[in-house]
Amino acid sequence: MLAPAVTSYASRHSARLVSLLRDKGIRDARVLSAMEYIPRERFMPPAVQDRAWDDMALPIGRGQTISQPYIVALMTESLALTDRDKVLEIGTGSGYQSAILSKICRRVYSIERHKPLLDQAEILFRQLHLRNITAMCADGMLGWPRINGVDQAPFDKIIVTAGAQDKPPQSLFDQLKIGGVMVVPVGPLADQILKKYVKLSDDTWLVSDICPVRFVPLLPDVAAETGDSA
């Protein structure tokens, strides 16, 4: 009898969160539906699961966080996804943003530099039957690598869940198709702005500011597997 009670509890809280997101200006029904469907509490450590439906970022270990639900919804909505899109995500983290994307687009390719976080996220993807997510541990600043001679780029959309210091890496610009959209935080930690880039040609971009944000920094290489270092 425990499982239905837990499901009912989560359902009430997710519905309340979706109502809050509507009040804060999220209008895309597909985004709101995904936010209601995906169980956010599954993507965070037990110590903070009781705050899963609060509109706030929470720690997930190794100096990383699961983003505030409003920011997850806003970034997803800003991508203007379709069910045919192939999306590159830089920063798998807990896997929550990947899961939201997976309910709206055709395919998600996600890169995480912290192998322990990636391993846990992939367990959740399997448990939740999210079969259109492919994830790997790699340097996200380099984009998705060619594997066995196969390129997945160009991507229709790119989302970056860590802050680029001055501008997004050139490799990410290169892996976005013409007409594609990239949403990424840019700037120093205390002065980050979430930006939307629309690729008009190989060297022409339409750039707009979305809102101030605060993300962990975008870092190169694969992180060491010991300790809680970034």
C-alpha atoms as a PDB file:
ATOM      1  CA  MET A   1       0.000   0.000   0.000  1.00  0.00           C
ATOM      2  CA  LEU A   2       3.038   2.309   0.367  1.00  0.00           C
ATOM      3  CA  ALA A   3       3.783   2.863  -3.317  1.00  0.00           C
ATOM      4  CA  PRO A   4       0.376   4.389  -4.243  1.00  0.00           C
ATOM      5  CA  ALA A   5       0.612   6.772  -1.276  1.00  0.00           C
ATOM      6  CA  VAL A   6       4.060   7.931  -2.367  1.00  0.00           C
ATOM      7  CA  THR A   7       2.863   8.329  -5.941  1.00  0.00           C
ATOM      8  CA  SER A   8      -0.142  10.360  -4.788  1.00  0.00           C
ATOM      9  CA  TYR A   9       2.100  12.564  -2.663  1.00  0.00           C
ATOM     10  CA  ALA A  10       4.464  13.225  -5.553  1.00  0.00           C
ATOM     11  CA  SER A  11       1.562  13.844  -7.913  1.00  0.00           C
ATOM     12  CA  ARG A  12       0.082  16.528  -5.660  1.00  0.00           C
ATOM     13  CA  HIS A  13       3.417  18.259  -5.284  1.00  0.00           C
ATOM     14  CA  SER A  14       4.277  18.083  -8.991  1.00  0.00           C
ATOM     15  CA  ALA A  15       0.878  19.598  -9.866  1.00  0.00           C
ATOM     16  CA  ARG A  16       1.563  22.419  -7.415  1.00  0.00           C
ATOM     17  CA  LEU A  17       4.976  22.995  -8.986  1.00  0.00           C
ATOM     18  CA  VAL A  18       3.484  23.131 -12.474  1.00  0.00           C
ATOM     19  CA  SER A  19       0.967  25.716 -11.268  1.00  0.00           C
ATOM     20  CA  LEU A  20       3.864  27.792  -9.903  1.00  0.00           C
ATOM     21  CA  LEU A  21       5.733  27.521 -13.215  1.00  0.00           C
ATOM     22  CA  ARG A  22       2.649  28.758 -15.063  1.00  0.00           C
ATOM     23  CA  ASP A  23       2.435  31.704 -12.681  1.00  0.00           C
ATOM     24  CA  LYS A  24       6.092  32.493 -13.426  1.00  0.00           C
ATOM     25  CA  GLY A  25       5.453  32.618 -17.168  1.00  0.00           C
ATOM     26  CA  ILE A  26       6.126  29.127 -18.538  1.00  0.00           C
ATOM     27  CA  ARG A  27       3.591  28.589 -21.309  1.00  0.00           C
ATOM     28  CA  ASP A  28       4.753  25.568 -23.348  1.00  0.00           C
ATOM     29  CA  ALA A  29       2.293  22.787 -22.477  1.00  0.00           C
ATOM     30  CA  ARG A  30       4.818  20.098 -23.445  1.00  0.00           C
ATOM     31  CA  VAL A  31       7.359  21.483 -21.003  1.00  0.00           C
ATOM     32  CA  LEU A  32       4.802  21.705 -18.210  1.00  0.00           C
ATOM     33  CA  SER A  33       3.633  18.160 -18.914  1.00  0.00           C
ATOM     34  CA  ALA A  34       7.202  16.827 -18.783  1.00  0.00           C
ATOM     35  CA  MET A  35       7.861  18.679 -15.527  1.00  0.00           C
ATOM     36  CA  GLU A  36       4.761  17.095 -14.023  1.00  0.00           C
ATOM     37  CA  TYR A  37       5.528  13.618 -15.346  1.00  0.00           C
ATOM     38  CA  ILE A  38       9.224  13.257 -14.407  1.00  0.00           C
ATOM     39  CA  PRO A  39       9.698  12.442 -10.667  1.00  0.00           C
ATOM     40  CA  ARG A  40      12.260  15.067  -9.606  1.00  0.00           C
ATOM     41  CA  GLU A  41      12.807  13.427  -6.220  1.00  0.00           C
ATOM     42  CA  ARG A  42      14.365  10.405  -7.952  1.00  0.00           C
ATOM     43  CA  PHE A  43      17.201  12.584  -9.241  1.00  0.00           C
ATOM     44  CA  MET A  44      18.528  13.812  -5.908  1.00  0.00           C
ATOM     45  CA  PRO A  45      20.171  12.353  -2.799  1.00  0.00           C
ATOM     46  CA  PRO A  46      17.864  11.030  -0.027  1.00  0.00           C
ATOM     47  CA  ALA A  47      18.944  13.835   2.315  1.00  0.00           C
ATOM     48  CA  VAL A  48      17.229  16.475   0.168  1.00  0.00           C
ATOM     49  CA  GLN A  49      14.389  14.493  -1.400  1.00  0.00           C
ATOM     50  CA  ASP A  50      11.839  16.118   0.904  1.00  0.00           C
ATOM     51  CA  ARG A  51      12.586  19.414  -0.890  1.00  0.00           C
ATOM     52  CA  ALA A  52      12.314  17.929  -4.367  1.00  0.00           C
ATOM     53  CA  TRP A  53       9.284  19.991  -5.372  1.00  0.00           C
ATOM     54  CA  ASP A  54      10.548  23.307  -4.009  1.00  0.00           C
ATOM     55  CA  ASP A  55      11.499  25.788  -6.727  1.00  0.00           C
ATOM     56  CA  MET A  56      15.175  25.874  -5.829  1.00  0.00           C
ATOM     57  CA  ALA A  57      18.512  24.359  -6.817  1.00  0.00           C
ATOM     58  CA  LEU A  58      19.743  21.552  -4.549  1.00  0.00           C
ATOM     59  CA  PRO A  59      23.110  19.789  -4.100  1.00  0.00           C
ATOM     60  CA  ILE A  60      23.680  16.401  -5.732  1.00  0.00           C
ATOM     61  CA  GLY A  61      27.304  15.853  -4.691  1.00  0.00           C
ATOM     62  CA  ARG A  62      30.734  16.527  -6.225  1.00  0.00           C
ATOM     63  CA  GLY A  63      30.115  20.277  -6.037  1.00  0.00           C
ATOM     64  CA  GLN A  64      27.206  20.036  -8.492  1.00  0.00           C
ATOM     65  CA  THR A  65      23.517  20.900  -8.214  1.00  0.00           C
ATOM     66  CA  ILE A  66      20.176  19.952  -9.686  1.00  0.00           C
ATOM     67  CA  SER A  67      18.869  23.167 -11.171  1.00  0.00           C
ATOM     68  CA  GLN A  68      15.883  25.130  -9.921  1.00  0.00           C
ATOM     69  CA  PRO A  69      12.755  23.761 -11.656  1.00  0.00           C
ATOM     70  CA  TYR A  70      11.872  27.182 -13.062  1.00  0.00           C
ATOM     71  CA  ILE A  71      15.298  27.442 -14.729  1.00  0.00           C
ATOM     72  CA  VAL A  72      14.974  23.897 -16.105  1.00  0.00           C
ATOM     73  CA  ALA A  73      11.580  24.798 -17.559  1.00  0.00           C
ATOM     74  CA  LEU A  74      12.767  28.174 -18.876  1.00  0.00           C
ATOM     75  CA  MET A  75      15.845  26.720 -20.606  1.00  0.00           C
ATOM     76  CA  THR A  76      13.778  23.916 -22.112  1.00  0.00           C
ATOM     77  CA  GLU A  77      11.086  26.298 -23.336  1.00  0.00           C
ATOM     78  CA  SER A  78      13.726  28.636 -24.794  1.00  0.00           C
ATOM     79  CA  LEU A  79      15.019  25.832 -27.025  1.00  0.00           C
ATOM     80  CA  ALA A  80      11.659  25.755 -28.866  1.00  0.00           C
ATOM     81  CA  LEU A  81      11.875  21.972 -29.178  1.00  0.00           C
ATOM     82  CA  THR A  82      10.027  19.775 -31.644  1.00  0.00           C
ATOM     83  CA  ASP A  83       9.521  16.040 -31.539  1.00  0.00           C
ATOM     84  CA  ARG A  84      12.037  15.697 -34.417  1.00  0.00           C
ATOM     85  CA  ASP A  85      14.904  17.485 -32.687  1.00  0.00           C
ATOM     86  CA  LYS A  86      18.217  15.899 -31.807  1.00  0.00           C
ATOM     87  CA  VAL A  87      19.581  17.692 -28.738  1.00  0.00           C
ATOM     88  CA  LEU A  88      23.085  17.898 -27.293  1.00  0.00           C
ATOM     89  CA  GLU A  89      23.228  18.518 -23.547  1.00  0.00           C
ATOM     90  CA  ILE A  90      26.472  19.570 -21.877  1.00  0.00           C
ATOM     91  CA  GLY A  91      26.348  18.666 -18.184  1.00  0.00           C
ATOM     92  CA  THR A  92      24.184  15.614 -17.454  1.00  0.00           C
ATOM     93  CA  GLY A  93      24.459  16.139 -13.697  1.00  0.00           C
ATOM     94  CA  SER A  94      21.650  14.297 -11.944  1.00  0.00           C
ATOM     95  CA  GLY A  95      20.001  13.517 -15.281  1.00  0.00           C
ATOM     96  CA  TYR A  96      16.865  15.527 -14.497  1.00  0.00           C
ATOM     97  CA  GLN A  97      17.224  18.021 -17.354  1.00  0.00           C
ATOM     98  CA  SER A  98      18.012  15.129 -19.723  1.00  0.00           C
ATOM     99  CA  ALA A  99      14.813  13.389 -18.628  1.00  0.00           C
ATOM    100  CA  ILE A 100      12.707  16.502 -19.242  1.00  0.00           C
ATOM    101  CA  LEU A 101      14.204  16.924 -22.718  1.00  0.00           C
ATOM    102  CA  SER A 102      13.622  13.259 -23.527  1.00  0.00           C
ATOM    103  CA  LYS A 103       9.859  13.644 -23.153  1.00  0.00           C
ATOM    104  CA  ILE A 104       9.735  16.402 -25.778  1.00  0.00           C
ATOM    105  CA  CYS A 105      12.433  15.802 -28.411  1.00  0.00           C
ATOM    106  CA  ARG A 106      13.444  12.809 -30.537  1.00  0.00           C
ATOM    107  CA  ARG A 107      16.886  12.110 -29.067  1.00  0.00           C
ATOM    108  CA  VAL A 108      19.142  13.476 -26.324  1.00  0.00           C
ATOM    109  CA  TYR A 109      22.926  13.159 -26.351  1.00  0.00           C
ATOM    110  CA  SER A 110      24.330  14.171 -22.971  1.00  0.00           C
ATOM    111  CA  ILE A 111      27.917  14.656 -21.744  1.00  0.00           C
ATOM    112  CA  GLU A 112      29.012  14.652 -18.088  1.00  0.00           C
ATOM    113  CA  ARG A 113      32.564  15.099 -16.802  1.00  0.00           C
ATOM    114  CA  HIS A 114      31.859  13.449 -13.413  1.00  0.00           C
ATOM    115  CA  LYS A 115      31.689   9.690 -13.980  1.00  0.00           C
ATOM    116  CA  PRO A 116      29.914   8.863 -10.657  1.00  0.00           C
ATOM    117  CA  LEU A 117      27.118  11.315 -11.484  1.00  0.00           C
ATOM    118  CA  LEU A 118      26.806   9.899 -14.984  1.00  0.00           C
ATOM    119  CA  ASP A 119      26.608   6.328 -13.688  1.00  0.00           C
ATOM    120  CA  GLN A 120      23.767   7.238 -11.322  1.00  0.00           C
ATOM    121  CA  ALA A 121      21.918   9.179 -14.013  1.00  0.00           C
ATOM    122  CA  GLU A 122      22.103   6.238 -16.418  1.00  0.00           C
ATOM    123  CA  ILE A 123      20.628   3.935 -13.770  1.00  0.00           C
ATOM    124  CA  LEU A 124      17.677   6.317 -13.468  1.00  0.00           C
ATOM    125  CA  PHE A 125      17.235   6.535 -17.243  1.00  0.00           C
ATOM    126  CA  ARG A 126      16.919   2.754 -17.353  1.00  0.00           C
ATOM    127  CA  GLN A 127      14.584   2.582 -14.366  1.00  0.00           C
ATOM    128  CA  LEU A 128      12.320   5.242 -15.867  1.00  0.00           C
ATOM    129  CA  HIS A 129      12.453   3.646 -19.344  1.00  0.00           C
ATOM    130  CA  LEU A 130      13.887   6.780 -20.955  1.00  0.00           C
ATOM    131  CA  ARG A 131      15.333   4.999 -23.968  1.00  0.00           C
ATOM    132  CA  ASN A 132      16.051   8.021 -26.174  1.00  0.00           C
ATOM    133  CA  ILE A 133      18.946   9.321 -24.035  1.00  0.00           C
ATOM    134  CA  THR A 134      22.561   8.481 -24.876  1.00  0.00           C
ATOM    135  CA  ALA A 135      25.090   9.715 -22.322  1.00  0.00           C
ATOM    136  CA  MET A 136      28.857   9.564 -21.949  1.00  0.00           C
ATOM    137  CA  CYS A 137      31.629  10.744 -19.657  1.00  0.00           C
ATOM    138  CA  ALA A 138      33.777  13.179 -21.627  1.00  0.00           C
ATOM    139  CA  ASP A 139      34.940  16.786 -21.950  1.00  0.00           C
ATOM    140  CA  GLY A 140      31.746  18.633 -22.840  1.00  0.00           C
ATOM    141  CA  MET A 141      33.678  21.677 -24.007  1.00  0.00           C
ATOM    142  CA  LEU A 142      34.748  19.623 -27.027  1.00  0.00           C
ATOM    143  CA  GLY A 143      31.203  18.662 -27.992  1.00  0.00           C
ATOM    144  CA  TRP A 144      30.054  15.166 -28.928  1.00  0.00           C
ATOM    145  CA  PRO A 145      32.985  13.115 -30.264  1.00  0.00           C
ATOM    146  CA  ARG A 146      33.034  11.077 -33.444  1.00  0.00           C
ATOM    147  CA  ILE A 147      32.544   7.422 -32.440  1.00  0.00           C
ATOM    148  CA  ASN A 148      33.609   4.612 -34.772  1.00  0.00           C
ATOM    149  CA  GLY A 149      33.738   7.098 -37.605  1.00  0.00           C
ATOM    150  CA  VAL A 150      30.167   8.313 -36.977  1.00  0.00           C
ATOM    151  CA  ASP A 151      29.300  11.966 -36.288  1.00  0.00           C
ATOM    152  CA  GLN A 152      26.068  12.804 -34.480  1.00  0.00           C
ATOM    153  CA  ALA A 153      26.572  16.504 -35.193  1.00  0.00           C
ATOM    154  CA  PRO A 154      25.088  18.738 -36.330  1.00  0.00           C
ATOM    155  CA  PHE A 155      22.510  19.013 -33.558  1.00  0.00           C
ATOM    156  CA  ASP A 156      19.194  20.811 -33.840  1.00  0.00           C
ATOM    157  CA  LYS A 157      19.492  22.247 -30.333  1.00  0.00           C
ATOM    158  CA  ILE A 158      22.227  22.495 -27.688  1.00  0.00           C
ATOM    159  CA  ILE A 159      21.716  23.147 -23.977  1.00  0.00           C
ATOM    160  CA  VAL A 160      24.586  23.852 -21.603  1.00  0.00           C
ATOM    161  CA  THR A 161      23.996  23.516 -17.863  1.00  0.00           C
ATOM    162  CA  ALA A 162      27.257  25.135 -16.736  1.00  0.00           C
ATOM    163  CA  GLY A 163      28.503  28.678 -17.129  1.00  0.00           C
ATOM    164  CA  ALA A 164      30.896  29.586 -19.954  1.00  0.00           C
ATOM    165  CA  GLN A 165      33.317  32.293 -18.817  1.00  0.00           C
ATOM    166  CA  ASP A 166      33.256  34.606 -21.870  1.00  0.00           C
ATOM    167  CA  LYS A 167      31.409  32.754 -24.632  1.00  0.00           C
ATOM    168  CA  PRO A 168      30.440  29.167 -25.451  1.00  0.00           C
ATOM    169  CA  PRO A 169      33.250  26.952 -26.800  1.00  0.00           C
ATOM    170  CA  GLN A 170      33.739  27.132 -30.560  1.00  0.00           C
ATOM    171  CA  SER A 171      33.261  23.368 -30.794  1.00  0.00           C
ATOM    172  CA  LEU A 172      29.656  23.789 -29.649  1.00  0.00           C
ATOM    173  CA  PHE A 173      29.013  26.526 -32.202  1.00  0.00           C
ATOM    174  CA  ASP A 174      30.450  24.210 -34.847  1.00  0.00           C
ATOM    175  CA  GLN A 175      28.200  21.291 -33.834  1.00  0.00           C
ATOM    176  CA  LEU A 176      24.950  23.272 -34.078  1.00  0.00           C
ATOM    177  CA  LYS A 177      23.125  23.194 -37.394  1.00  0.00           C
ATOM    178  CA  ILE A 178      22.271  26.384 -39.246  1.00  0.00           C
ATOM    179  CA  GLY A 179      18.908  27.508 -37.885  1.00  0.00           C
ATOM    180  CA  GLY A 180      19.596  25.705 -34.614  1.00  0.00           C
ATOM    181  CA  VAL A 181      19.348  27.132 -31.092  1.00  0.00           C
ATOM    182  CA  MET A 182      21.796  26.993 -28.192  1.00  0.00           C
ATOM    183  CA  VAL A 183      20.869  28.041 -24.647  1.00  0.00           C
ATOM    184  CA  VAL A 184      23.824  28.573 -22.315  1.00  0.00           C
ATOM    185  CA  PRO A 185      24.797  30.606 -19.225  1.00  0.00           C
ATOM    186  CA  VAL A 186      27.640  33.028 -19.986  1.00  0.00           C
ATOM    187  CA  GLY A 187      29.793  35.166 -17.708  1.00  0.00           C
ATOM    188  CA  PRO A 188      31.655  35.028 -14.396  1.00  0.00           C
ATOM    189  CA  LEU A 189      29.924  33.252 -11.512  1.00  0.00           C
ATOM    190  CA  ALA A 190      28.614  36.429  -9.884  1.00  0.00           C
ATOM    191  CA  ASP A 191      27.385  37.944 -13.155  1.00  0.00           C
ATOM    192  CA  GLN A 192      26.075  35.143 -15.384  1.00  0.00           C
ATOM    193  CA  ILE A 193      23.403  35.733 -18.000  1.00  0.00           C
ATOM    194  CA  LEU A 194      21.414  32.950 -19.612  1.00  0.00           C
ATOM    195  CA  LYS A 195      21.726  33.553 -23.347  1.00  0.00           C
ATOM    196  CA  LYS A 196      20.022  32.198 -26.437  1.00  0.00           C
ATOM    197  CA  TYR A 197      22.068  31.838 -29.630  1.00  0.00           C
ATOM    198  CA  VAL A 198      20.358  31.242 -32.972  1.00  0.00           C
ATOM    199  CA  LYS A 199      22.761  30.143 -35.725  1.00  0.00           C
ATOM    200  CA  LEU A 200      21.955  32.099 -38.880  1.00  0.00           C
ATOM    201  CA  SER A 201      25.055  30.977 -40.813  1.00  0.00           C
ATOM    202  CA  ASP A 202      28.475  29.507 -40.056  1.00  0.00           C
ATOM    203  CA  ASP A 203      29.669  32.894 -38.815  1.00  0.00           C
ATOM    204  CA  THR A 204      26.454  34.806 -38.016  1.00  0.00           C
ATOM    205  CA  TRP A 205      24.450  34.548 -34.801  1.00  0.00           C
ATOM    206  CA  LEU A 206      21.398  36.154 -33.308  1.00  0.00           C
ATOM    207  CA  VAL A 207      22.049  36.489 -29.562  1.00  0.00           C
ATOM    208  CA  SER A 208      19.518  37.444 -26.899  1.00  0.00           C
ATOM    209  CA  ASP A 209      19.637  37.620 -23.111  1.00  0.00           C
ATOM    210  CA  ILE A 210      17.074  35.585 -21.181  1.00  0.00           C
ATOM    211  CA  CYS A 211      17.738  36.271 -17.489  1.00  0.00           C
ATOM    212  CA  PRO A 212      20.456  36.378 -14.793  1.00  0.00           C
ATOM    213  CA  VAL A 213      21.415  32.918 -13.503  1.00  0.00           C
ATOM    214  CA  ARG A 214      23.991  31.221 -11.311  1.00  0.00           C
ATOM    215  CA  PHE A 215      25.484  27.954 -12.604  1.00  0.00           C
ATOM    216  CA  VAL A 216      28.628  26.034 -11.725  1.00  0.00           C
ATOM    217  CA  PRO A 217      31.455  26.879 -14.166  1.00  0.00           C
ATOM    218  CA  LEU A 218      31.938  25.036 -17.439  1.00  0.00           C
ATOM    219  CA  LEU A 219      35.244  23.188 -17.046  1.00  0.00           C
ATOM    220  CA  PRO A 220      37.438  21.146 -19.402  1.00  0.00           C
ATOM    221  CA  ASP A 221      38.534  17.514 -19.178  1.00  0.00           C
ATOM    222  CA  VAL A 222      37.055  14.612 -17.245  1.00  0.00           C
ATOM    223  CA  ALA A 223      36.958  15.147 -13.476  1.00  0.00           C
ATOM    224  CA  ALA A 224      38.863  12.953 -11.039  1.00  0.00           C
ATOM    225  CA  GLU A 225      36.603  10.258  -9.590  1.00  0.00           C
ATOM    226  CA  THR A 226      37.649  10.721  -5.958  1.00  0.00           C
ATOM    227  CA  GLY A 227      36.360  13.282  -3.497  1.00  0.00           C
ATOM    228  CA  ASP A 228      33.915  16.131  -4.123  1.00  0.00           C
ATOM    229  CA  SER A 229      36.109  18.275  -6.316  1.00  0.00           C
ATOM    230  CA  ALA A 230      34.734  20.132  -9.326  1.00  0.00           C
END
